[in-house]
Amino acid sequence: MTSEEISTLGYEQARDELITTVQRLEAGGLPLEDSLRLWERGEALAAHCQSKLDGARARLDAALAAEGAPTE
């Protein structure tokens, strides 16, 4: 999956894909090149998930600020 394809995933899809990727890496037994490819994919998925969470947090903060509620 390319980074362009990852960018089209929703948070839940990316998170599930990341979980599967981590499980495959933890199971071991893969050739080095396959492990590196999976690790890179996992890094891209983790960054995508973090970006989605950051965006959700910003939207929540903006909504709370619009209502006059204190934010962290």
C-alpha atoms as a PDB file:
ATOM      1  CA  MET A   1       0.000   0.000   0.000  1.00  0.00           C
ATOM      2  CA  THR A   2       1.480   3.333  -1.019  1.00  0.00           C
ATOM      3  CA  SER A   3       1.386   6.492   1.061  1.00  0.00           C
ATOM      4  CA  GLU A   4      -1.268   7.859  -1.311  1.00  0.00           C
ATOM      5  CA  GLU A   5      -3.426   4.816  -0.617  1.00  0.00           C
ATOM      6  CA  ILE A   6      -2.851   5.144   3.123  1.00  0.00           C
ATOM      7  CA  SER A   7      -3.974   8.772   2.981  1.00  0.00           C
ATOM      8  CA  THR A   8      -7.400   7.643   1.742  1.00  0.00           C
ATOM      9  CA  LEU A   9      -7.992   5.373   4.735  1.00  0.00           C
ATOM     10  CA  GLY A  10     -10.223   6.371   7.590  1.00  0.00           C
ATOM     11  CA  TYR A  11      -8.842   6.255  11.114  1.00  0.00           C
ATOM     12  CA  GLU A  12     -10.379   2.885  11.996  1.00  0.00           C
ATOM     13  CA  GLN A  13      -9.158   1.264   8.777  1.00  0.00           C
ATOM     14  CA  ALA A  14      -5.627   2.581   9.273  1.00  0.00           C
ATOM     15  CA  ARG A  15      -5.606   1.534  12.934  1.00  0.00           C
ATOM     16  CA  ASP A  16      -6.740  -2.005  12.068  1.00  0.00           C
ATOM     17  CA  GLU A  17      -4.123  -2.224   9.329  1.00  0.00           C
ATOM     18  CA  LEU A  18      -1.478  -1.007  11.782  1.00  0.00           C
ATOM     19  CA  ILE A  19      -2.488  -3.646  14.333  1.00  0.00           C
ATOM     20  CA  THR A  20      -2.200  -6.372  11.697  1.00  0.00           C
ATOM     21  CA  THR A  21       1.174  -5.039  10.573  1.00  0.00           C
ATOM     22  CA  VAL A  22       2.553  -4.989  14.124  1.00  0.00           C
ATOM     23  CA  GLN A  23       1.285  -8.522  14.756  1.00  0.00           C
ATOM     24  CA  ARG A  24       3.026  -9.771  11.609  1.00  0.00           C
ATOM     25  CA  LEU A  25       6.270  -8.099  12.642  1.00  0.00           C
ATOM     26  CA  GLU A  26       6.054  -9.459  16.185  1.00  0.00           C
ATOM     27  CA  ALA A  27       5.444 -12.979  14.880  1.00  0.00           C
ATOM     28  CA  GLY A  28       8.831 -12.833  13.171  1.00  0.00           C
ATOM     29  CA  GLY A  29      10.108 -15.328  10.662  1.00  0.00           C
ATOM     30  CA  LEU A  30      10.038 -12.881   7.752  1.00  0.00           C
ATOM     31  CA  PRO A  31      12.972 -12.135   5.482  1.00  0.00           C
ATOM     32  CA  LEU A  32      14.717  -8.859   6.280  1.00  0.00           C
ATOM     33  CA  GLU A  33      13.369  -7.040   3.208  1.00  0.00           C
ATOM     34  CA  ASP A  34       9.786  -8.030   4.052  1.00  0.00           C
ATOM     35  CA  SER A  35      10.264  -6.926   7.651  1.00  0.00           C
ATOM     36  CA  LEU A  36      11.638  -3.572   6.535  1.00  0.00           C
ATOM     37  CA  ARG A  37       8.732  -3.083   4.125  1.00  0.00           C
ATOM     38  CA  LEU A  38       6.243  -3.878   6.871  1.00  0.00           C
ATOM     39  CA  TRP A  39       8.014  -1.560   9.318  1.00  0.00           C
ATOM     40  CA  GLU A  40       7.902   1.305   6.796  1.00  0.00           C
ATOM     41  CA  ARG A  41       4.233   0.624   6.173  1.00  0.00           C
ATOM     42  CA  GLY A  42       3.590   0.578   9.912  1.00  0.00           C
ATOM     43  CA  GLU A  43       5.357   3.928  10.310  1.00  0.00           C
ATOM     44  CA  ALA A  44       3.210   5.449   7.557  1.00  0.00           C
ATOM     45  CA  LEU A  45       0.041   4.013   9.085  1.00  0.00           C
ATOM     46  CA  ALA A  46       0.975   5.286  12.552  1.00  0.00           C
ATOM     47  CA  ALA A  47       1.659   8.777  11.169  1.00  0.00           C
ATOM     48  CA  HIS A  48      -1.682   8.736   9.355  1.00  0.00           C
ATOM     49  CA  CYS A  49      -3.521   7.693  12.515  1.00  0.00           C
ATOM     50  CA  GLN A  50      -1.768  10.421  14.517  1.00  0.00           C
ATOM     51  CA  SER A  51      -2.716  12.990  11.888  1.00  0.00           C
ATOM     52  CA  LYS A  52      -6.363  11.912  12.061  1.00  0.00           C
ATOM     53  CA  LEU A  53      -6.310  12.149  15.868  1.00  0.00           C
ATOM     54  CA  ASP A  54      -4.640  15.565  15.752  1.00  0.00           C
ATOM     55  CA  GLY A  55      -7.290  16.780  13.328  1.00  0.00           C
ATOM     56  CA  ALA A  56     -10.087  15.483  15.515  1.00  0.00           C
ATOM     57  CA  ARG A  57      -8.535  17.169  18.556  1.00  0.00           C
ATOM     58  CA  ALA A  58      -8.254  20.480  16.701  1.00  0.00           C
ATOM     59  CA  ARG A  59     -11.899  20.284  15.660  1.00  0.00           C
ATOM     60  CA  LEU A  60     -12.948  19.489  19.221  1.00  0.00           C
ATOM     61  CA  ASP A  61     -10.867  22.363  20.604  1.00  0.00           C
ATOM     62  CA  ALA A  62     -12.377  24.738  18.035  1.00  0.00           C
ATOM     63  CA  ALA A  63     -15.910  23.628  18.890  1.00  0.00           C
ATOM     64  CA  LEU A  64     -15.254  24.033  22.611  1.00  0.00           C
ATOM     65  CA  ALA A  65     -13.679  27.451  22.076  1.00  0.00           C
ATOM     66  CA  ALA A  66     -16.707  28.544  20.041  1.00  0.00           C
ATOM     67  CA  GLU A  67     -18.891  27.581  22.972  1.00  0.00           C
ATOM     68  CA  GLY A  68     -16.647  29.403  25.417  1.00  0.00           C
ATOM     69  CA  ALA A  69     -15.572  26.217  27.206  1.00  0.00           C
ATOM     70  CA  PRO A  70     -11.997  26.074  28.540  1.00  0.00           C
ATOM     71  CA  THR A  71      -9.595  23.834  26.573  1.00  0.00           C
ATOM     72  CA  GLU A  72      -6.397  22.127  27.705  1.00  0.00           C
END
